[in-house]
Protein backbone atom coordinates (compact mmCIF):
# COMPACT_ATOMS: atom_id res chain seq x y z
CA UNK A 1 -114.86 -20.72 -129.93
CA UNK A 2 -116.83 -21.40 -127.01
CA UNK A 3 -118.41 -24.85 -125.78
CA UNK A 4 -122.03 -25.37 -124.25
CA UNK A 5 -122.91 -28.97 -126.00
CA UNK A 6 -125.43 -31.95 -125.39
CA UNK A 7 -127.12 -34.25 -127.40
CA UNK A 8 -127.18 -37.81 -129.40
CA UNK A 9 -127.35 -39.08 -132.79
CA UNK A 10 -128.31 -42.86 -133.16
CA UNK A 11 -126.49 -44.38 -136.18
CA UNK A 12 -127.95 -47.51 -137.61
CA UNK A 13 -125.94 -50.50 -138.31
CA UNK A 14 -126.67 -50.31 -142.19
CA UNK A 15 -125.66 -46.66 -141.86
CA UNK A 16 -122.63 -47.63 -140.06
CA UNK A 17 -121.40 -50.08 -143.00
CA UNK A 18 -121.99 -47.25 -145.68
CA UNK A 19 -119.76 -45.15 -144.08
CA UNK A 20 -116.83 -47.97 -143.42
CA UNK A 21 -117.36 -48.55 -146.99
CA UNK A 22 -117.06 -44.49 -148.09
CA UNK A 23 -113.85 -43.83 -145.74
CA UNK A 24 -112.16 -46.92 -147.04
CA UNK A 25 -112.77 -46.05 -150.72
CA UNK A 26 -111.95 -42.48 -150.07
CA UNK A 27 -109.05 -43.41 -147.58
CA UNK A 28 -107.48 -45.54 -150.71
CA UNK A 29 -108.06 -42.29 -152.88
CA UNK A 30 -106.40 -40.61 -150.35
CA UNK A 31 -103.07 -42.33 -150.25
CA UNK A 32 -102.78 -42.44 -153.86
CA UNK A 33 -103.14 -38.51 -154.62
CA UNK A 34 -102.52 -36.90 -151.54
CA UNK A 35 -99.49 -34.16 -151.38
CA UNK A 36 -97.05 -34.57 -148.50
CA UNK A 37 -95.07 -31.51 -147.61
CA UNK A 38 -91.74 -32.13 -146.47
CA UNK A 39 -89.63 -31.48 -144.24
CA UNK A 40 -90.70 -33.79 -142.10
CA UNK A 41 -111.10 -21.66 -130.72
CA UNK A 42 -113.36 -20.94 -132.80
CA UNK A 43 -113.17 -19.75 -129.79
CA UNK A 44 -110.37 -20.92 -127.91
CA UNK A 45 -111.12 -22.86 -124.69
CA UNK A 46 -109.65 -21.55 -121.22
CA UNK A 47 -107.25 -24.78 -121.66
CA UNK A 48 -106.02 -23.84 -124.97
CA UNK A 49 -104.95 -20.26 -124.01
CA UNK A 50 -101.83 -19.76 -122.20
CA UNK A 51 -100.77 -18.03 -118.78
CA UNK A 52 -100.40 -14.57 -118.63
CA UNK A 53 -96.89 -13.75 -120.41
CA UNK A 54 -94.30 -11.12 -120.00
CA UNK A 55 -95.26 -8.47 -122.49
CA UNK A 56 -92.47 -8.50 -124.90
CA UNK A 57 -90.87 -5.20 -126.10
CA UNK A 58 -90.72 -3.27 -129.70
CA UNK A 59 -89.70 -5.85 -131.71
CA UNK A 60 -86.26 -5.98 -133.09
CA UNK A 61 -84.69 -5.74 -136.78
CA UNK A 62 -83.60 -9.08 -136.38
CA UNK A 63 -86.68 -10.26 -135.35
CA UNK A 64 -88.35 -8.48 -138.65
CA UNK A 65 -85.99 -9.93 -140.79
CA UNK A 66 -85.93 -13.60 -139.51
CA UNK A 67 -89.82 -13.10 -140.27
CA UNK A 68 -89.51 -11.70 -143.78
CA UNK A 69 -87.26 -14.83 -144.54
CA UNK A 70 -89.75 -17.60 -143.43
CA UNK A 71 -92.13 -15.55 -145.27
CA UNK A 72 -90.12 -15.63 -148.51
CA UNK A 73 -89.65 -19.53 -147.49
CA UNK A 74 -93.20 -20.38 -147.51
CA UNK A 75 -95.18 -18.11 -150.00
CA UNK A 76 -97.34 -19.74 -152.65
CA UNK A 77 -97.38 -23.09 -150.25
CA UNK A 78 -100.01 -24.53 -152.18
CA UNK A 79 -98.55 -27.58 -154.49
CA UNK A 80 -100.42 -27.82 -157.88
CA UNK A 81 -101.68 -31.39 -157.20
CA UNK A 82 -103.39 -30.59 -154.31
CA UNK A 83 -106.89 -28.84 -153.07
CA UNK A 84 -107.71 -25.18 -154.29
CA UNK A 85 -106.88 -22.87 -150.45
CA UNK A 86 -108.82 -19.97 -152.61
CA UNK A 87 -111.32 -20.29 -149.11
CA UNK A 88 -108.17 -19.47 -146.94
CA UNK A 89 -106.56 -16.75 -148.55
CA UNK A 90 -107.30 -12.87 -147.34
CA UNK A 91 -109.42 -11.71 -145.18
CA UNK A 92 -111.87 -13.85 -143.26
CA UNK A 93 -114.00 -13.20 -140.37
CA UNK A 94 -115.88 -15.90 -137.77
CA UNK A 95 -119.55 -16.62 -136.95
CA UNK A 96 -119.98 -19.51 -133.99
CA UNK A 97 -123.32 -20.39 -133.01
CA UNK A 98 -123.91 -18.02 -130.23
CA UNK A 99 -123.86 -15.02 -132.49
CA UNK A 100 -127.52 -14.12 -132.42
CA UNK A 101 -127.36 -11.18 -134.62
CA UNK A 102 -125.51 -12.93 -137.59
CA UNK A 103 -127.86 -15.79 -137.16
CA UNK A 104 -130.87 -13.58 -137.00
CA UNK A 105 -130.23 -11.83 -140.43
CA UNK A 106 -127.69 -13.98 -142.27
CA UNK A 107 -128.20 -11.42 -145.35
CA UNK A 108 -127.40 -7.89 -143.10
CA UNK A 109 -124.58 -10.07 -142.00
CA UNK A 110 -122.94 -11.42 -145.27
CA UNK A 111 -123.47 -7.65 -146.56
CA UNK A 112 -121.70 -5.96 -143.84
CA UNK A 113 -118.94 -8.11 -144.00
CA UNK A 114 -118.58 -7.50 -148.09
CA UNK A 115 -118.52 -3.71 -147.36
CA UNK A 116 -115.58 -4.40 -145.12
CA UNK A 117 -113.66 -6.43 -148.26
CA UNK A 118 -113.96 -9.77 -146.02
CA UNK A 119 -113.43 -13.05 -148.51
CA UNK A 120 -113.85 -15.90 -146.53
CA UNK A 121 -116.95 -16.56 -143.55
CA UNK A 122 -115.94 -19.29 -141.20
CA UNK A 123 -119.30 -20.08 -139.63
CA UNK A 124 -119.81 -23.06 -136.61
CA UNK A 125 -122.58 -25.85 -137.96
CA UNK A 126 -122.21 -27.79 -134.79
CA UNK A 127 -120.43 -29.32 -131.86
CA UNK A 128 -120.38 -32.49 -130.17
CA UNK A 129 -122.93 -31.49 -127.25
CA UNK A 130 -125.37 -29.83 -129.78
CA UNK A 131 -129.05 -31.02 -129.52
CA UNK A 132 -129.01 -31.35 -133.46
CA UNK A 133 -126.06 -32.18 -136.00
CA UNK A 134 -126.51 -28.78 -137.95
CA UNK A 135 -127.55 -25.61 -136.54
CA UNK A 136 -129.88 -23.43 -138.06
CA UNK A 137 -130.22 -25.38 -140.95
CA UNK A 138 -132.52 -22.80 -142.60
CA UNK A 139 -130.19 -19.55 -141.73
CA UNK A 140 -127.25 -21.49 -142.82
CA UNK A 141 -128.77 -22.21 -145.99
CA UNK A 142 -128.92 -18.35 -146.19
CA UNK A 143 -125.74 -17.92 -145.18
CA UNK A 144 -124.28 -20.05 -148.11
CA UNK A 145 -126.34 -18.37 -150.44
CA UNK A 146 -125.40 -14.93 -149.80
CA UNK A 147 -121.47 -15.16 -149.54
CA UNK A 148 -121.63 -17.18 -152.58
CA UNK A 149 -123.59 -14.37 -154.65
CA UNK A 150 -121.07 -11.77 -153.29
CA UNK A 151 -118.32 -13.80 -154.30
CA UNK A 152 -117.01 -15.15 -151.00
CA UNK A 153 -116.29 -18.06 -149.76
CA UNK A 154 -117.93 -19.95 -147.13
CA UNK A 155 -116.39 -22.56 -144.59
CA UNK A 156 -118.19 -25.00 -142.38
CA UNK A 157 -116.46 -25.78 -138.66
CA UNK A 158 -117.28 -27.99 -135.84
CA UNK A 159 -116.26 -29.26 -132.77
CA UNK A 160 -115.74 -32.52 -131.27
CA UNK A 161 -114.80 -33.09 -127.87
CA UNK A 162 -113.69 -36.67 -129.33
CA UNK A 163 -115.33 -38.85 -126.56
CA UNK A 164 -118.33 -40.24 -128.96
CA UNK A 165 -116.14 -40.61 -132.49
CA UNK A 166 -119.25 -42.08 -134.34
CA UNK A 167 -121.16 -39.03 -133.17
CA UNK A 168 -118.39 -36.76 -134.05
CA UNK A 169 -117.89 -38.40 -137.64
CA UNK A 170 -121.66 -38.27 -138.35
CA UNK A 171 -121.83 -34.69 -137.80
CA UNK A 172 -119.10 -33.70 -139.78
CA UNK A 173 -120.50 -35.96 -142.69
CA UNK A 174 -123.48 -34.25 -142.51
CA UNK A 175 -121.73 -30.55 -142.34
CA UNK A 176 -119.67 -31.62 -145.47
CA UNK A 177 -122.84 -33.26 -147.91
CA UNK A 178 -124.98 -29.87 -146.67
CA UNK A 179 -126.34 -28.65 -149.37
CA UNK A 180 -128.55 -25.50 -150.01
CA UNK A 181 -132.00 -26.18 -151.71
CA UNK A 182 -130.34 -25.08 -155.35
CA UNK A 183 -127.61 -27.61 -154.64
CA UNK A 184 -124.60 -24.97 -153.27
CA UNK A 185 -122.39 -26.31 -150.59
CA UNK A 186 -119.49 -25.32 -148.29
CA UNK A 187 -115.98 -24.33 -150.04
CA UNK A 188 -114.29 -26.07 -147.45
CA UNK A 189 -114.36 -27.83 -144.00
CA UNK A 190 -112.17 -27.22 -140.80
CA UNK A 191 -111.99 -29.33 -137.68
CA UNK A 192 -111.68 -26.82 -134.49
CA UNK A 193 -109.25 -28.98 -132.42
CA UNK A 194 -109.17 -27.79 -128.69
CA UNK A 195 -111.47 -29.84 -126.70
CA UNK A 196 -109.33 -31.42 -123.34
CA UNK A 197 -112.45 -33.91 -122.77
CA UNK A 198 -110.35 -37.14 -123.24
CA UNK A 199 -107.71 -38.12 -121.26
CA UNK A 200 -104.94 -39.07 -121.01
CA UNK A 201 -103.34 -37.05 -123.73
CA UNK A 202 -102.13 -40.09 -125.47
CA UNK A 203 -106.07 -41.61 -126.14
CA UNK A 204 -107.03 -37.65 -127.27
CA UNK A 205 -104.48 -37.90 -129.61
CA UNK A 206 -105.41 -41.79 -131.35
CA UNK A 207 -109.38 -40.37 -131.21
CA UNK A 208 -108.44 -37.48 -133.10
CA UNK A 209 -106.44 -39.02 -135.31
CA UNK A 210 -108.58 -41.88 -136.01
CA UNK A 211 -111.50 -38.78 -136.65
CA UNK A 212 -109.32 -37.12 -138.64
CA UNK A 213 -108.46 -40.36 -141.06
CA UNK A 214 -112.25 -40.85 -141.34
CA UNK A 215 -112.83 -37.22 -142.36
CA UNK A 216 -110.13 -36.88 -145.48
CA UNK A 217 -111.07 -40.62 -146.55
CA UNK A 218 -115.37 -39.03 -146.39
CA UNK A 219 -113.89 -35.96 -148.19
CA UNK A 220 -111.13 -37.34 -150.73
CA UNK A 221 -108.02 -35.78 -151.65
CA UNK A 222 -109.43 -32.97 -153.83
CA UNK A 223 -111.60 -31.66 -150.90
CA UNK A 224 -109.60 -28.79 -148.70
CA UNK A 225 -109.32 -29.60 -144.98
CA UNK A 226 -108.28 -27.03 -142.38
CA UNK A 227 -107.12 -27.79 -138.96
CA UNK A 228 -108.13 -24.91 -136.47
CA UNK A 229 -105.49 -25.75 -133.66
CA UNK A 230 -104.48 -24.15 -130.27
CA UNK A 231 -102.47 -21.28 -130.09
CA UNK A 232 -98.80 -22.56 -130.42
CA UNK A 233 -97.54 -20.31 -128.21
CA UNK A 234 -100.13 -21.28 -125.43
CA UNK A 235 -99.20 -24.90 -126.22
CA UNK A 236 -95.34 -24.16 -125.56
CA UNK A 237 -96.30 -22.69 -121.90
CA UNK A 238 -98.90 -25.01 -120.98
CA UNK A 239 -97.82 -28.42 -121.68
CA UNK A 240 -100.30 -29.97 -118.96
CA UNK A 241 -103.09 -28.72 -121.64
CA UNK A 242 -101.99 -30.60 -124.30
CA UNK A 243 -98.01 -31.84 -124.35
CA UNK A 244 -97.43 -34.07 -127.28
CA UNK A 245 -99.72 -32.17 -129.75
CA UNK A 246 -100.00 -34.06 -133.33
CA UNK A 247 -98.48 -31.56 -135.42
CA UNK A 248 -96.92 -33.71 -137.98
CA UNK A 249 -100.13 -35.94 -138.35
CA UNK A 250 -102.24 -33.24 -138.74
CA UNK A 251 -99.80 -31.46 -141.54
CA UNK A 252 -100.21 -34.99 -143.31
CA UNK A 253 -103.96 -34.95 -143.41
CA UNK A 254 -105.05 -31.36 -143.31
CA UNK A 255 -104.23 -28.61 -146.35
CA UNK A 256 -103.85 -25.95 -144.14
CA UNK A 257 -103.33 -25.08 -140.23
CA UNK A 258 -105.84 -22.16 -139.21
CA UNK A 259 -104.17 -21.50 -135.57
CA UNK A 260 -105.73 -19.78 -132.93
CA UNK A 261 -103.14 -17.47 -132.33
CA UNK A 262 -105.50 -15.10 -129.53
CA UNK A 263 -102.56 -12.66 -128.97
CA UNK A 264 -105.31 -11.15 -126.53
CA UNK A 265 -104.79 -14.06 -124.07
CA UNK A 266 -101.04 -13.17 -124.22
CA UNK A 267 -100.24 -9.84 -123.52
CA UNK A 268 -101.30 -6.00 -124.50
CA UNK A 269 -100.38 -3.33 -126.80
CA UNK A 270 -99.47 -3.41 -130.36
CA UNK A 271 -95.58 -4.74 -130.18
CA UNK A 272 -96.88 -7.93 -128.07
CA UNK A 273 -99.24 -8.80 -130.60
CA UNK A 274 -96.93 -8.51 -133.13
CA UNK A 275 -94.45 -10.57 -131.30
CA UNK A 276 -97.23 -13.33 -129.92
CA UNK A 277 -98.26 -13.82 -133.84
CA UNK A 278 -94.37 -14.02 -134.98
CA UNK A 279 -93.97 -16.77 -132.11
CA UNK A 280 -96.88 -18.63 -133.05
CA UNK A 281 -95.86 -18.85 -136.92
CA UNK A 282 -92.08 -19.74 -135.71
CA UNK A 283 -93.02 -22.74 -133.40
CA UNK A 284 -95.48 -23.93 -135.71
CA UNK A 285 -92.51 -24.13 -138.90
CA UNK A 286 -90.60 -25.55 -136.40
CA UNK A 287 -92.86 -29.19 -136.01
CA UNK A 288 -92.13 -32.06 -138.14
CA UNK A 289 -93.60 -31.83 -141.74
CA UNK A 290 -95.41 -28.53 -140.89
CA UNK A 291 -92.06 -26.09 -142.54
CA UNK A 292 -94.28 -25.46 -145.81
CA UNK A 293 -97.82 -26.02 -144.64
CA UNK A 294 -100.19 -22.89 -145.39
CA UNK A 295 -101.37 -20.68 -142.65
CA UNK A 296 -104.50 -18.87 -141.76
CA UNK A 297 -104.06 -17.43 -138.93
CA UNK A 298 -106.68 -16.12 -136.08
CA UNK A 299 -105.71 -13.05 -134.71
CA UNK A 300 -107.14 -11.72 -131.11
CA UNK A 301 -110.76 -11.60 -129.55
CA UNK A 302 -111.88 -8.76 -131.56
CA UNK A 303 -113.68 -6.71 -128.93
CA UNK A 304 -110.51 -6.75 -126.89
CA UNK A 305 -108.26 -5.81 -129.28
CA UNK A 306 -107.33 -1.95 -130.36
CA UNK A 307 -106.95 -0.72 -133.47
CA UNK A 308 -102.52 -0.40 -132.85
CA UNK A 309 -103.05 -4.39 -132.25
CA UNK A 310 -104.70 -5.09 -135.06
CA UNK A 311 -102.58 -3.07 -137.24
CA UNK A 312 -99.38 -4.81 -136.08
CA UNK A 313 -101.33 -8.45 -135.89
CA UNK A 314 -101.99 -7.62 -139.22
CA UNK A 315 -97.92 -6.64 -140.28
CA UNK A 316 -96.82 -10.18 -138.53
CA UNK A 317 -99.46 -12.23 -140.69
CA UNK A 318 -97.87 -10.46 -143.99
CA UNK A 319 -94.56 -10.72 -142.93
CA UNK A 320 -94.72 -14.66 -141.90
CA UNK A 321 -96.35 -15.49 -145.20
CA UNK A 322 -99.87 -16.60 -143.82
CA UNK A 323 -102.07 -17.25 -147.07
CA UNK A 324 -104.66 -15.10 -145.07
CA UNK A 325 -105.96 -13.94 -141.67
CA UNK A 326 -108.73 -12.25 -139.60
CA UNK A 327 -110.07 -11.39 -136.31
CA UNK A 328 -112.30 -13.77 -133.75
CA UNK A 329 -115.08 -12.50 -134.57
CA UNK A 330 -117.75 -10.71 -137.01
CA UNK A 331 -119.87 -9.70 -134.15
CA UNK A 332 -117.10 -8.14 -132.01
CA UNK A 333 -115.23 -6.79 -135.10
CA UNK A 334 -115.50 -2.72 -135.16
CA UNK A 335 -115.03 -0.02 -137.85
CA UNK A 336 -111.96 0.64 -136.15
CA UNK A 337 -110.65 -2.54 -136.53
CA UNK A 338 -111.89 -3.19 -140.45
CA UNK A 339 -109.89 0.03 -141.12
CA UNK A 340 -106.70 -1.84 -140.18
CA UNK A 341 -108.00 -5.45 -141.86
CA UNK A 342 -108.00 -3.73 -145.07
CA UNK A 343 -104.05 -4.88 -145.74
CA UNK A 344 -105.21 -8.17 -145.33
CA UNK A 345 -104.79 -9.37 -148.96
CA UNK A 346 -105.18 -13.10 -150.75
């Protein structure tokens, strides 16, 4: 998920006080009703992708058996008391603010998505450096209305650089509160966690936690929130990027992980895509409090993926019990890719 962004938002004292009251009230509600799982980008930045890796060989029977066991353990992980994760189930596709083809004709874009069986559209509403809080609001209204008219779900996502917490929080709040003229809204919100702008990592983690808790407080415990995270494989290989990634905090604050697994950064060919996808989920599941948190996988960069790679990614996504998946993004997904993606079902 690419970054090219600037702009400042001035927040008055009165607005800040009101926001603080909302956050405190929401956090109290969250503390009372939030489920906790136990035990215990889009587009990926250059930092978030790992360095080139040795390409794995054809997956072994042991690896497949292990993946199937993991899937059995994490299947149907949504707690009865938790928010609905319907927006994260099944086949999804992605649109960022640079996808001119989609923004120039939202109705046609959604119609194409529907024809390929897409259930959910993840759409970028903005980022820290954008000139406005909400990107192309009129076109955004069309996206929301068209997706809902076709029985789809739509998830807003936002990329913070974490340097100006008030700007990031205000823009997230505007996305969550956004309504069409006839009162329709996003079915969920997901935070794109990948910027390395804040240093050191300890300060970045603190800023991320503060923003995340404010978002949860604002949204309340019943509103589904997704955490779009860097590739766990990439994080494990490039410790200098984000050595102490806060998996546990995110698992306790958000309802679903959306890893930017991006097998196209880590190897080439079907076996490599398969092994990389399995490894991403395996590493994630080994983190504190992450053993049962639902996962929706972002696969490789669409235009860099072969049909065979897509097929093996889909196979791995199903074997790991991921509740949904898709490629990044809609513009680069070709008919030969959609054919393989049909196997991703709710």
